[in-house]
Amino acid sequence: MTALTPRTTKHIGQTEPDRTAPRAGGHPPWCTRDHRCTAAHVTGGEHVSQPERWKTSHGTLIATRYHNAQGGWVEIRTITRLDPQEAIAQAQCRHLIAVTHTVFNRVLGPGKDTNHA
């Protein structure tokens, strides 16, 4: 298993673990309150966290938390090198997607599979 090394000691949305209610100005504690946050000045805008980057031996994982009037979500991205051989690279991509789906089901519970081929 690859060890994960966060660049910060803060966790997504847990700068103050017991305070999930918005602070003065309507921002949750984890919100950047800068140009990325559009909640205060755009109808339908959203709060945005500072992206958290985790370096691994295989690349970088990046997570950014969001919240608007409809609820909250997290964007998770990965940057990793693939094998130079196309067939192997394609298999790596498909396997990463399948394993990610399995992990999501374990963490979030089974979802509706409507967007796969």
PDB file of N, CA and C in Angstrom:
ATOM      1  N   MET A   1       0.853  -1.176   0.000  1.00  0.00           N
ATOM      2  CA  MET A   1       0.000   0.000   0.000  1.00  0.00           C
ATOM      3  C   MET A   1       0.896   1.236   0.000  1.00  0.00           C
ATOM      4  N   THR A   2       0.487   2.243  -0.743  1.00  0.00           N
ATOM      5  CA  THR A   2       1.241   3.483  -0.852  1.00  0.00           C
ATOM      6  C   THR A   2       0.917   4.399   0.316  1.00  0.00           C
ATOM      7  N   ALA A   3       1.948   4.946   0.918  1.00  0.00           N
ATOM      8  CA  ALA A   3       1.728   5.897   2.011  1.00  0.00           C
ATOM      9  C   ALA A   3       1.312   7.237   1.433  1.00  0.00           C
ATOM     10  N   LEU A   4       0.377   7.887   2.074  1.00  0.00           N
ATOM     11  CA  LEU A   4      -0.059   9.212   1.657  1.00  0.00           C
ATOM     12  C   LEU A   4       0.594  10.256   2.531  1.00  0.00           C
ATOM     13  N   THR A   5       1.051  11.318   1.933  1.00  0.00           N
ATOM     14  CA  THR A   5       1.699  12.387   2.673  1.00  0.00           C
ATOM     15  C   THR A   5       1.004  13.701   2.371  1.00  0.00           C
ATOM     16  N   PRO A   6       0.169  14.202   3.298  1.00  0.00           N
ATOM     17  CA  PRO A   6      -0.498  15.479   3.038  1.00  0.00           C
ATOM     18  C   PRO A   6       0.498  16.623   3.101  1.00  0.00           C
ATOM     19  N   ARG A   7       0.248  17.654   2.294  1.00  0.00           N
ATOM     20  CA  ARG A   7       1.100  18.835   2.330  1.00  0.00           C
ATOM     21  C   ARG A   7       0.762  19.723   3.501  1.00  0.00           C
ATOM     22  N   THR A   8      -0.406  19.531   4.087  1.00  0.00           N
ATOM     23  CA  THR A   8      -0.797  20.304   5.251  1.00  0.00           C
ATOM     24  C   THR A   8      -1.295  19.345   6.320  1.00  0.00           C
ATOM     25  N   THR A   9      -1.455  19.841   7.533  1.00  0.00           N
ATOM     26  CA  THR A   9      -2.009  19.004   8.595  1.00  0.00           C
ATOM     27  C   THR A   9      -3.512  19.181   8.702  1.00  0.00           C
ATOM     28  N   LYS A  10      -4.072  20.061   7.905  1.00  0.00           N
ATOM     29  CA  LYS A  10      -5.516  20.289   7.930  1.00  0.00           C
ATOM     30  C   LYS A  10      -6.202  19.244   7.060  1.00  0.00           C
ATOM     31  N   HIS A  11      -7.417  18.896   7.418  1.00  0.00           N
ATOM     32  CA  HIS A  11      -8.215  17.966   6.639  1.00  0.00           C
ATOM     33  C   HIS A  11      -9.316  18.735   5.946  1.00  0.00           C
ATOM     34  N   ILE A  12      -9.756  18.237   4.809  1.00  0.00           N
ATOM     35  CA  ILE A  12     -10.797  18.906   4.039  1.00  0.00           C
ATOM     36  C   ILE A  12     -12.004  19.157   4.934  1.00  0.00           C
ATOM     37  N   GLY A  13     -12.325  20.400   5.142  1.00  0.00           N
ATOM     38  CA  GLY A  13     -13.498  20.760   5.927  1.00  0.00           C
ATOM     39  C   GLY A  13     -13.364  20.528   7.415  1.00  0.00           C
ATOM     40  N   GLN A  14     -12.162  20.262   7.921  1.00  0.00           N
ATOM     41  CA  GLN A  14     -12.014  19.977   9.342  1.00  0.00           C
ATOM     42  C   GLN A  14     -10.995  20.885  10.008  1.00  0.00           C
ATOM     43  N   THR A  15     -10.940  22.135   9.589  1.00  0.00           N
ATOM     44  CA  THR A  15     -10.035  23.060  10.252  1.00  0.00           C
ATOM     45  C   THR A  15     -10.482  23.284  11.686  1.00  0.00           C
ATOM     46  N   GLU A  16     -11.783  23.133  11.919  1.00  0.00           N
ATOM     47  CA  GLU A  16     -12.363  23.204  13.260  1.00  0.00           C
ATOM     48  C   GLU A  16     -13.390  22.079  13.333  1.00  0.00           C
ATOM     49  N   PRO A  17     -12.998  20.861  13.738  1.00  0.00           N
ATOM     50  CA  PRO A  17     -13.832  19.676  13.593  1.00  0.00           C
ATOM     51  C   PRO A  17     -15.239  19.776  14.148  1.00  0.00           C
ATOM     52  N   ASP A  18     -15.450  20.469  15.254  1.00  0.00           N
ATOM     53  CA  ASP A  18     -16.770  20.473  15.878  1.00  0.00           C
ATOM     54  C   ASP A  18     -17.645  21.641  15.443  1.00  0.00           C
ATOM     55  N   ARG A  19     -17.154  22.466  14.542  1.00  0.00           N
ATOM     56  CA  ARG A  19     -17.924  23.638  14.122  1.00  0.00           C
ATOM     57  C   ARG A  19     -18.265  23.532  12.648  1.00  0.00           C
ATOM     58  N   THR A  20     -19.450  23.029  12.341  1.00  0.00           N
ATOM     59  CA  THR A  20     -19.883  22.940  10.959  1.00  0.00           C
ATOM     60  C   THR A  20     -20.812  24.079  10.586  1.00  0.00           C
ATOM     61  N   ALA A  21     -21.309  24.811  11.570  1.00  0.00           N
ATOM     62  CA  ALA A  21     -22.189  25.947  11.297  1.00  0.00           C
ATOM     63  C   ALA A  21     -21.374  27.088  10.699  1.00  0.00           C
ATOM     64  N   PRO A  22     -21.977  27.874   9.804  1.00  0.00           N
ATOM     65  CA  PRO A  22     -21.258  28.995   9.214  1.00  0.00           C
ATOM     66  C   PRO A  22     -20.799  30.006  10.266  1.00  0.00           C
ATOM     67  N   ARG A  23     -19.671  30.622  10.004  1.00  0.00           N
ATOM     68  CA  ARG A  23     -19.155  31.706  10.840  1.00  0.00           C
ATOM     69  C   ARG A  23     -19.845  32.997  10.444  1.00  0.00           C
ATOM     70  N   ALA A  24     -19.452  34.058  11.109  1.00  0.00           N
ATOM     71  CA  ALA A  24     -19.966  35.381  10.750  1.00  0.00           C
ATOM     72  C   ALA A  24     -19.713  35.596   9.262  1.00  0.00           C
ATOM     73  N   GLY A  25     -20.674  36.168   8.584  1.00  0.00           N
ATOM     74  CA  GLY A  25     -20.552  36.360   7.149  1.00  0.00           C
ATOM     75  C   GLY A  25     -21.089  35.175   6.370  1.00  0.00           C
ATOM     76  N   GLY A  26     -21.534  34.114   7.053  1.00  0.00           N
ATOM     77  CA  GLY A  26     -22.132  32.976   6.387  1.00  0.00           C
ATOM     78  C   GLY A  26     -21.179  31.957   5.823  1.00  0.00           C
ATOM     79  N   HIS A  27     -19.893  32.043   6.117  1.00  0.00           N
ATOM     80  CA  HIS A  27     -18.915  31.089   5.594  1.00  0.00           C
ATOM     81  C   HIS A  27     -18.654  29.967   6.596  1.00  0.00           C
ATOM     82  N   PRO A  28     -18.609  28.699   6.136  1.00  0.00           N
ATOM     83  CA  PRO A  28     -18.189  27.626   7.036  1.00  0.00           C
ATOM     84  C   PRO A  28     -16.703  27.788   7.369  1.00  0.00           C
ATOM     85  N   PRO A  29     -16.228  27.184   8.436  1.00  0.00           N
ATOM     86  CA  PRO A  29     -14.840  27.371   8.848  1.00  0.00           C
ATOM     87  C   PRO A  29     -13.810  26.989   7.792  1.00  0.00           C
ATOM     88  N   TRP A  30     -14.120  26.034   6.930  1.00  0.00           N
ATOM     89  CA  TRP A  30     -13.159  25.550   5.940  1.00  0.00           C
ATOM     90  C   TRP A  30     -13.127  26.378   4.656  1.00  0.00           C
ATOM     91  N   CYS A  31     -14.051  27.318   4.486  1.00  0.00           N
ATOM     92  CA  CYS A  31     -14.144  28.113   3.255  1.00  0.00           C
ATOM     93  C   CYS A  31     -12.939  29.045   3.124  1.00  0.00           C
ATOM     94  N   THR A  32     -12.449  29.193   1.911  1.00  0.00           N
ATOM     95  CA  THR A  32     -11.292  30.066   1.672  1.00  0.00           C
ATOM     96  C   THR A  32     -11.624  31.548   1.829  1.00  0.00           C
ATOM     97  N   ARG A  33     -12.887  31.911   1.654  1.00  0.00           N
ATOM     98  CA  ARG A  33     -13.329  33.301   1.742  1.00  0.00           C
ATOM     99  C   ARG A  33     -12.533  34.224   0.813  1.00  0.00           C
ATOM    100  N   ASP A  34     -12.101  33.706  -0.333  1.00  0.00           N
ATOM    101  CA  ASP A  34     -11.374  34.543  -1.285  1.00  0.00           C
ATOM    102  C   ASP A  34     -12.096  34.492  -2.638  1.00  0.00           C
ATOM    103  N   HIS A  35     -11.398  34.789  -3.716  1.00  0.00           N
ATOM    104  CA  HIS A  35     -12.022  34.855  -5.034  1.00  0.00           C
ATOM    105  C   HIS A  35     -12.658  33.537  -5.476  1.00  0.00           C
ATOM    106  N   ARG A  36     -12.244  32.410  -4.888  1.00  0.00           N
ATOM    107  CA  ARG A  36     -12.835  31.112  -5.248  1.00  0.00           C
ATOM    108  C   ARG A  36     -14.234  30.945  -4.671  1.00  0.00           C
ATOM    109  N   CYS A  37     -14.508  31.588  -3.544  1.00  0.00           N
ATOM    110  CA  CYS A  37     -15.822  31.499  -2.905  1.00  0.00           C
ATOM    111  C   CYS A  37     -16.754  32.516  -3.549  1.00  0.00           C
ATOM    112  N   THR A  38     -17.832  32.005  -4.146  1.00  0.00           N
ATOM    113  CA  THR A  38     -18.796  32.889  -4.801  1.00  0.00           C
ATOM    114  C   THR A  38     -20.119  32.955  -4.037  1.00  0.00           C
ATOM    115  N   ALA A  39     -20.177  32.330  -2.861  1.00  0.00           N
ATOM    116  CA  ALA A  39     -21.432  32.236  -2.110  1.00  0.00           C
ATOM    117  C   ALA A  39     -21.983  33.591  -1.705  1.00  0.00           C
ATOM    118  N   ALA A  40     -21.127  34.542  -1.376  1.00  0.00           N
ATOM    119  CA  ALA A  40     -21.587  35.827  -0.849  1.00  0.00           C
ATOM    120  C   ALA A  40     -22.039  36.798  -1.928  1.00  0.00           C
ATOM    121  N   HIS A  41     -21.593  36.624  -3.177  1.00  0.00           N
ATOM    122  CA  HIS A  41     -21.899  37.645  -4.171  1.00  0.00           C
ATOM    123  C   HIS A  41     -22.481  37.136  -5.491  1.00  0.00           C
ATOM    124  N   VAL A  42     -22.784  35.833  -5.580  1.00  0.00           N
ATOM    125  CA  VAL A  42     -23.389  35.288  -6.793  1.00  0.00           C
ATOM    126  C   VAL A  42     -24.592  34.446  -6.392  1.00  0.00           C
ATOM    127  N   THR A  43     -25.732  34.673  -7.021  1.00  0.00           N
ATOM    128  CA  THR A  43     -26.893  33.828  -6.759  1.00  0.00           C
ATOM    129  C   THR A  43     -26.558  32.404  -7.165  1.00  0.00           C
ATOM    130  N   GLY A  44     -26.752  31.479  -6.248  1.00  0.00           N
ATOM    131  CA  GLY A  44     -26.395  30.086  -6.504  1.00  0.00           C
ATOM    132  C   GLY A  44     -24.911  29.818  -6.350  1.00  0.00           C
ATOM    133  N   GLY A  45     -24.179  30.781  -5.785  1.00  0.00           N
ATOM    134  CA  GLY A  45     -22.741  30.626  -5.602  1.00  0.00           C
ATOM    135  C   GLY A  45     -22.406  29.543  -4.597  1.00  0.00           C
ATOM    136  N   GLU A  46     -21.121  29.254  -4.466  1.00  0.00           N
ATOM    137  CA  GLU A  46     -20.696  28.162  -3.605  1.00  0.00           C
ATOM    138  C   GLU A  46     -19.465  28.510  -2.779  1.00  0.00           C
ATOM    139  N   HIS A  47     -19.416  27.920  -1.587  1.00  0.00           N
ATOM    140  CA  HIS A  47     -18.224  27.987  -0.745  1.00  0.00           C
ATOM    141  C   HIS A  47     -17.220  26.982  -1.291  1.00  0.00           C
ATOM    142  N   VAL A  48     -15.922  27.316  -1.190  1.00  0.00           N
ATOM    143  CA  VAL A  48     -14.871  26.464  -1.732  1.00  0.00           C
ATOM    144  C   VAL A  48     -13.727  26.379  -0.722  1.00  0.00           C
ATOM    145  N   SER A  49     -13.211  25.164  -0.513  1.00  0.00           N
ATOM    146  CA  SER A  49     -12.056  24.991   0.374  1.00  0.00           C
ATOM    147  C   SER A  49     -10.757  25.190  -0.404  1.00  0.00           C
ATOM    148  N   GLN A  50      -9.689  25.354   0.331  1.00  0.00           N
ATOM    149  CA  GLN A  50      -8.352  25.334  -0.258  1.00  0.00           C
ATOM    150  C   GLN A  50      -8.110  23.911  -0.755  1.00  0.00           C
ATOM    151  N   PRO A  51      -7.631  23.709  -1.992  1.00  0.00           N
ATOM    152  CA  PRO A  51      -7.343  22.344  -2.431  1.00  0.00           C
ATOM    153  C   PRO A  51      -6.278  21.699  -1.533  1.00  0.00           C
ATOM    154  N   GLU A  52      -6.522  20.463  -1.181  1.00  0.00           N
ATOM    155  CA  GLU A  52      -5.551  19.712  -0.395  1.00  0.00           C
ATOM    156  C   GLU A  52      -4.849  18.736  -1.329  1.00  0.00           C
ATOM    157  N   ARG A  53      -3.513  18.776  -1.330  1.00  0.00           N
ATOM    158  CA  ARG A  53      -2.723  17.924  -2.209  1.00  0.00           C
ATOM    159  C   ARG A  53      -1.990  16.867  -1.385  1.00  0.00           C
ATOM    160  N   TRP A  54      -2.072  15.628  -1.861  1.00  0.00           N
ATOM    161  CA  TRP A  54      -1.376  14.513  -1.227  1.00  0.00           C
ATOM    162  C   TRP A  54      -0.425  13.910  -2.244  1.00  0.00           C
ATOM    163  N   LYS A  55       0.860  13.932  -1.925  1.00  0.00           N
ATOM    164  CA  LYS A  55       1.873  13.328  -2.791  1.00  0.00           C
ATOM    165  C   LYS A  55       1.979  11.847  -2.462  1.00  0.00           C
ATOM    166  N   THR A  56       1.997  11.014  -3.492  1.00  0.00           N
ATOM    167  CA  THR A  56       2.187   9.578  -3.309  1.00  0.00           C
ATOM    168  C   THR A  56       3.312   9.131  -4.229  1.00  0.00           C
ATOM    169  N   SER A  57       3.699   7.891  -4.108  1.00  0.00           N
ATOM    170  CA  SER A  57       4.736   7.370  -4.987  1.00  0.00           C
ATOM    171  C   SER A  57       4.238   7.219  -6.423  1.00  0.00           C
ATOM    172  N   HIS A  58       2.922   7.322  -6.625  1.00  0.00           N
ATOM    173  CA  HIS A  58       2.346   7.179  -7.963  1.00  0.00           C
ATOM    174  C   HIS A  58       1.880   8.495  -8.558  1.00  0.00           C
ATOM    175  N   GLY A  59       1.931   9.570  -7.810  1.00  0.00           N
ATOM    176  CA  GLY A  59       1.481  10.855  -8.325  1.00  0.00           C
ATOM    177  C   GLY A  59       0.901  11.724  -7.229  1.00  0.00           C
ATOM    178  N   THR A  60      -0.088  12.529  -7.589  1.00  0.00           N
ATOM    179  CA  THR A  60      -0.689  13.484  -6.666  1.00  0.00           C
ATOM    180  C   THR A  60      -2.201  13.316  -6.648  1.00  0.00           C
ATOM    181  N   LEU A  61      -2.778  13.342  -5.446  1.00  0.00           N
ATOM    182  CA  LEU A  61      -4.228  13.377  -5.262  1.00  0.00           C
ATOM    183  C   LEU A  61      -4.591  14.777  -4.791  1.00  0.00           C
ATOM    184  N   ILE A  62      -5.660  15.340  -5.353  1.00  0.00           N
ATOM    185  CA  ILE A  62      -6.081  16.694  -5.014  1.00  0.00           C
ATOM    186  C   ILE A  62      -7.565  16.654  -4.671  1.00  0.00           C
ATOM    187  N   ALA A  63      -7.931  17.199  -3.510  1.00  0.00           N
ATOM    188  CA  ALA A  63      -9.329  17.224  -3.088  1.00  0.00           C
ATOM    189  C   ALA A  63      -9.728  18.653  -2.751  1.00  0.00           C
ATOM    190  N   THR A  64     -10.903  19.061  -3.248  1.00  0.00           N
ATOM    191  CA  THR A  64     -11.455  20.379  -2.967  1.00  0.00           C
ATOM    192  C   THR A  64     -12.908  20.205  -2.553  1.00  0.00           C
ATOM    193  N   ARG A  65     -13.279  20.822  -1.451  1.00  0.00           N
ATOM    194  CA  ARG A  65     -14.639  20.716  -0.934  1.00  0.00           C
ATOM    195  C   ARG A  65     -15.464  21.914  -1.388  1.00  0.00           C
ATOM    196  N   TYR A  66     -16.751  21.671  -1.675  1.00  0.00           N
ATOM    197  CA  TYR A  66     -17.678  22.707  -2.126  1.00  0.00           C
ATOM    198  C   TYR A  66     -18.978  22.606  -1.335  1.00  0.00           C
ATOM    199  N   HIS A  67     -19.713  23.715  -1.265  1.00  0.00           N
ATOM    200  CA  HIS A  67     -21.039  23.699  -0.657  1.00  0.00           C
ATOM    201  C   HIS A  67     -21.846  24.858  -1.204  1.00  0.00           C
ATOM    202  N   ASN A  68     -23.110  24.569  -1.555  1.00  0.00           N
ATOM    203  CA  ASN A  68     -24.041  25.622  -1.953  1.00  0.00           C
ATOM    204  C   ASN A  68     -25.396  25.325  -1.325  1.00  0.00           C
ATOM    205  N   ALA A  69     -26.434  26.010  -1.758  1.00  0.00           N
ATOM    206  CA  ALA A  69     -27.753  25.854  -1.153  1.00  0.00           C
ATOM    207  C   ALA A  69     -28.310  24.444  -1.319  1.00  0.00           C
ATOM    208  N   GLN A  70     -27.857  23.704  -2.328  1.00  0.00           N
ATOM    209  CA  GLN A  70     -28.347  22.350  -2.562  1.00  0.00           C
ATOM    210  C   GLN A  70     -27.587  21.290  -1.767  1.00  0.00           C
ATOM    211  N   GLY A  71     -26.475  21.642  -1.165  1.00  0.00           N
ATOM    212  CA  GLY A  71     -25.702  20.669  -0.387  1.00  0.00           C
ATOM    213  C   GLY A  71     -24.214  20.781  -0.658  1.00  0.00           C
ATOM    214  N   GLY A  72     -23.476  19.769  -0.196  1.00  0.00           N
ATOM    215  CA  GLY A  72     -22.030  19.795  -0.319  1.00  0.00           C
ATOM    216  C   GLY A  72     -21.505  18.627  -1.129  1.00  0.00           C
ATOM    217  N   TRP A  73     -20.291  18.776  -1.648  1.00  0.00           N
ATOM    218  CA  TRP A  73     -19.636  17.725  -2.412  1.00  0.00           C
ATOM    219  C   TRP A  73     -18.134  17.934  -2.374  1.00  0.00           C
ATOM    220  N   VAL A  74     -17.415  16.929  -2.813  1.00  0.00           N
ATOM    221  CA  VAL A  74     -15.967  17.007  -2.892  1.00  0.00           C
ATOM    222  C   VAL A  74     -15.545  16.629  -4.312  1.00  0.00           C
ATOM    223  N   GLU A  75     -14.589  17.377  -4.833  1.00  0.00           N
ATOM    224  CA  GLU A  75     -13.986  17.055  -6.125  1.00  0.00           C
ATOM    225  C   GLU A  75     -12.646  16.396  -5.824  1.00  0.00           C
ATOM    226  N   ILE A  76     -12.428  15.208  -6.353  1.00  0.00           N
ATOM    227  CA  ILE A  76     -11.166  14.493  -6.148  1.00  0.00           C
ATOM    228  C   ILE A  76     -10.530  14.270  -7.515  1.00  0.00           C
ATOM    229  N   ARG A  77      -9.299  14.746  -7.653  1.00  0.00           N
ATOM    230  CA  ARG A  77      -8.560  14.590  -8.906  1.00  0.00           C
ATOM    231  C   ARG A  77      -7.268  13.842  -8.629  1.00  0.00           C
ATOM    232  N   THR A  78      -6.749  13.206  -9.653  1.00  0.00           N
ATOM    233  CA  THR A  78      -5.460  12.534  -9.529  1.00  0.00           C
ATOM    234  C   THR A  78      -4.595  12.881 -10.730  1.00  0.00           C
ATOM    235  N   ILE A  79      -3.320  13.011 -10.474  1.00  0.00           N
ATOM    236  CA  ILE A  79      -2.337  13.229 -11.536  1.00  0.00           C
ATOM    237  C   ILE A  79      -1.328  12.103 -11.401  1.00  0.00           C
ATOM    238  N   THR A  80      -1.267  11.251 -12.404  1.00  0.00           N
ATOM    239  CA  THR A  80      -0.365  10.105 -12.347  1.00  0.00           C
ATOM    240  C   THR A  80       0.082   9.732 -13.754  1.00  0.00           C
ATOM    241  N   ARG A  81       1.263   9.209 -13.858  1.00  0.00           N
ATOM    242  CA  ARG A  81       1.782   8.781 -15.162  1.00  0.00           C
ATOM    243  C   ARG A  81       1.223   7.407 -15.502  1.00  0.00           C
ATOM    244  N   LEU A  82       0.962   7.225 -16.784  1.00  0.00           N
ATOM    245  CA  LEU A  82       0.501   5.939 -17.293  1.00  0.00           C
ATOM    246  C   LEU A  82       1.628   5.260 -18.057  1.00  0.00           C
ATOM    247  N   ASP A  83       1.465   3.977 -18.274  1.00  0.00           N
ATOM    248  CA  ASP A  83       2.437   3.213 -19.044  1.00  0.00           C
ATOM    249  C   ASP A  83       2.519   3.774 -20.464  1.00  0.00           C
ATOM    250  N   PRO A  84       3.695   3.786 -21.078  1.00  0.00           N
ATOM    251  CA  PRO A  84       3.814   4.320 -22.437  1.00  0.00           C
ATOM    252  C   PRO A  84       3.105   3.458 -23.497  1.00  0.00           C
ATOM    253  N   GLN A  85       2.872   2.190 -23.202  1.00  0.00           N
ATOM    254  CA  GLN A  85       2.166   1.328 -24.156  1.00  0.00           C
ATOM    255  C   GLN A  85       0.657   1.582 -24.040  1.00  0.00           C
ATOM    256  N   GLU A  86       0.021   1.916 -25.154  1.00  0.00           N
ATOM    257  CA  GLU A  86      -1.386   2.330 -25.149  1.00  0.00           C
ATOM    258  C   GLU A  86      -2.311   1.294 -24.538  1.00  0.00           C
ATOM    259  N   ALA A  87      -2.138   0.038 -24.862  1.00  0.00           N
ATOM    260  CA  ALA A  87      -3.046  -0.996 -24.325  1.00  0.00           C
ATOM    261  C   ALA A  87      -2.938  -1.076 -22.799  1.00  0.00           C
ATOM    262  N   ILE A  88      -1.734  -0.965 -22.286  1.00  0.00           N
ATOM    263  CA  ILE A  88      -1.541  -1.014 -20.832  1.00  0.00           C
ATOM    264  C   ILE A  88      -2.101   0.253 -20.189  1.00  0.00           C
ATOM    265  N   ALA A  89      -1.862   1.412 -20.807  1.00  0.00           N
ATOM    266  CA  ALA A  89      -2.382   2.677 -20.274  1.00  0.00           C
ATOM    267  C   ALA A  89      -3.913   2.648 -20.219  1.00  0.00           C
ATOM    268  N   GLN A  90      -4.540   2.115 -21.260  1.00  0.00           N
ATOM    269  CA  GLN A  90      -6.006   2.027 -21.284  1.00  0.00           C
ATOM    270  C   GLN A  90      -6.490   1.106 -20.159  1.00  0.00           C
ATOM    271  N   ALA A  91      -5.818  -0.018 -19.950  1.00  0.00           N
ATOM    272  CA  ALA A  91      -6.193  -0.940 -18.874  1.00  0.00           C
ATOM    273  C   ALA A  91      -5.996  -0.280 -17.511  1.00  0.00           C
ATOM    274  N   GLN A  92      -4.920   0.478 -17.343  1.00  0.00           N
ATOM    275  CA  GLN A  92      -4.690   1.189 -16.085  1.00  0.00           C
ATOM    276  C   GLN A  92      -5.813   2.185 -15.817  1.00  0.00           C
ATOM    277  N   CYS A  93      -6.218   2.933 -16.830  1.00  0.00           N
ATOM    278  CA  CYS A  93      -7.314   3.910 -16.665  1.00  0.00           C
ATOM    279  C   CYS A  93      -8.600   3.218 -16.240  1.00  0.00           C
ATOM    280  N   ARG A  94      -8.963   2.148 -16.937  1.00  0.00           N
ATOM    281  CA  ARG A  94     -10.199   1.437 -16.608  1.00  0.00           C
ATOM    282  C   ARG A  94     -10.140   0.843 -15.204  1.00  0.00           C
ATOM    283  N   HIS A  95      -8.990   0.309 -14.828  1.00  0.00           N
ATOM    284  CA  HIS A  95      -8.857  -0.282 -13.494  1.00  0.00           C
ATOM    285  C   HIS A  95      -8.960   0.801 -12.418  1.00  0.00           C
ATOM    286  N   LEU A  96      -8.316   1.943 -12.637  1.00  0.00           N
ATOM    287  CA  LEU A  96      -8.407   3.039 -11.666  1.00  0.00           C
ATOM    288  C   LEU A  96      -9.849   3.503 -11.492  1.00  0.00           C
ATOM    289  N   ILE A  97     -10.594   3.596 -12.585  1.00  0.00           N
ATOM    290  CA  ILE A  97     -11.997   4.006 -12.490  1.00  0.00           C
ATOM    291  C   ILE A  97     -12.805   2.963 -11.724  1.00  0.00           C
ATOM    292  N   ALA A  98     -12.601   1.692 -12.024  1.00  0.00           N
ATOM    293  CA  ALA A  98     -13.354   0.629 -11.350  1.00  0.00           C
ATOM    294  C   ALA A  98     -13.046   0.585  -9.859  1.00  0.00           C
ATOM    295  N   VAL A  99     -11.779   0.703  -9.503  1.00  0.00           N
ATOM    296  CA  VAL A  99     -11.398   0.672  -8.090  1.00  0.00           C
ATOM    297  C   VAL A  99     -11.932   1.899  -7.371  1.00  0.00           C
ATOM    298  N   THR A 100     -11.897   3.056  -8.015  1.00  0.00           N
ATOM    299  CA  THR A 100     -12.446   4.276  -7.423  1.00  0.00           C
ATOM    300  C   THR A 100     -13.934   4.108  -7.156  1.00  0.00           C
ATOM    301  N   HIS A 101     -14.649   3.520  -8.099  1.00  0.00           N
ATOM    302  CA  HIS A 101     -16.076   3.265  -7.914  1.00  0.00           C
ATOM    303  C   HIS A 101     -16.313   2.353  -6.712  1.00  0.00           C
ATOM    304  N   THR A 102     -15.514   1.325  -6.573  1.00  0.00           N
ATOM    305  CA  THR A 102     -15.634   0.398  -5.433  1.00  0.00           C
ATOM    306  C   THR A 102     -15.396   1.126  -4.117  1.00  0.00           C
ATOM    307  N   VAL A 103     -14.378   1.970  -4.078  1.00  0.00           N
ATOM    308  CA  VAL A 103     -14.082   2.732  -2.860  1.00  0.00           C
ATOM    309  C   VAL A 103     -15.234   3.674  -2.537  1.00  0.00           C
ATOM    310  N   PHE A 104     -15.782   4.370  -3.528  1.00  0.00           N
ATOM    311  CA  PHE A 104     -16.922   5.253  -3.287  1.00  0.00           C
ATOM    312  C   PHE A 104     -18.085   4.491  -2.679  1.00  0.00           C
ATOM    313  N   ASN A 105     -18.372   3.303  -3.205  1.00  0.00           N
ATOM    314  CA  ASN A 105     -19.470   2.500  -2.656  1.00  0.00           C
ATOM    315  C   ASN A 105     -19.212   2.112  -1.207  1.00  0.00           C
ATOM    316  N   ARG A 106     -17.970   1.820  -0.877  1.00  0.00           N
ATOM    317  CA  ARG A 106     -17.648   1.453   0.510  1.00  0.00           C
ATOM    318  C   ARG A 106     -17.767   2.644   1.445  1.00  0.00           C
ATOM    319  N   VAL A 107     -17.336   3.797   1.005  1.00  0.00           N
ATOM    320  CA  VAL A 107     -17.342   4.990   1.858  1.00  0.00           C
ATOM    321  C   VAL A 107     -18.721   5.637   1.913  1.00  0.00           C
ATOM    322  N   LEU A 108     -19.399   5.755   0.783  1.00  0.00           N
ATOM    323  CA  LEU A 108     -20.657   6.485   0.689  1.00  0.00           C
ATOM    324  C   LEU A 108     -21.896   5.600   0.653  1.00  0.00           C
ATOM    325  N   GLY A 109     -21.718   4.315   0.448  1.00  0.00           N
ATOM    326  CA  GLY A 109     -22.850   3.412   0.259  1.00  0.00           C
ATOM    327  C   GLY A 109     -23.139   3.269  -1.214  1.00  0.00           C
ATOM    328  N   PRO A 110     -23.796   2.180  -1.598  1.00  0.00           N
ATOM    329  CA  PRO A 110     -24.083   1.968  -3.018  1.00  0.00           C
ATOM    330  C   PRO A 110     -24.895   3.108  -3.608  1.00  0.00           C
ATOM    331  N   GLY A 111     -24.475   3.534  -4.775  1.00  0.00           N
ATOM    332  CA  GLY A 111     -25.186   4.600  -5.485  1.00  0.00           C
ATOM    333  C   GLY A 111     -25.873   4.048  -6.710  1.00  0.00           C
ATOM    334  N   LYS A 112     -26.467   4.941  -7.468  1.00  0.00           N
ATOM    335  CA  LYS A 112     -27.116   4.543  -8.717  1.00  0.00           C
ATOM    336  C   LYS A 112     -26.088   4.536  -9.824  1.00  0.00           C
ATOM    337  N   ASP A 113     -25.893   3.392 -10.473  1.00  0.00           N
ATOM    338  CA  ASP A 113     -24.956   3.277 -11.586  1.00  0.00           C
ATOM    339  C   ASP A 113     -25.659   3.676 -12.881  1.00  0.00           C
ATOM    340  N   THR A 114     -25.579   4.941 -13.240  1.00  0.00           N
ATOM    341  CA  THR A 114     -26.279   5.402 -14.431  1.00  0.00           C
ATOM    342  C   THR A 114     -25.331   5.971 -15.479  1.00  0.00           C
ATOM    343  N   ASN A 115     -24.055   6.148 -15.151  1.00  0.00           N
ATOM    344  CA  ASN A 115     -23.139   6.827 -16.075  1.00  0.00           C
ATOM    345  C   ASN A 115     -21.953   5.981 -16.500  1.00  0.00           C
ATOM    346  N   HIS A 116     -22.127   4.685 -16.601  1.00  0.00           N
ATOM    347  CA  HIS A 116     -21.010   3.878 -17.081  1.00  0.00           C
ATOM    348  C   HIS A 116     -21.411   3.140 -18.343  1.00  0.00           C
ATOM    349  N   ALA A 117     -20.408   2.758 -19.117  1.00  0.00           N
ATOM    350  CA  ALA A 117     -20.679   2.057 -20.383  1.00  0.00           C
ATOM    351  C   ALA A 117     -20.747   0.563 -20.170  1.00  0.00           C
TER     352      ALA A 117
END
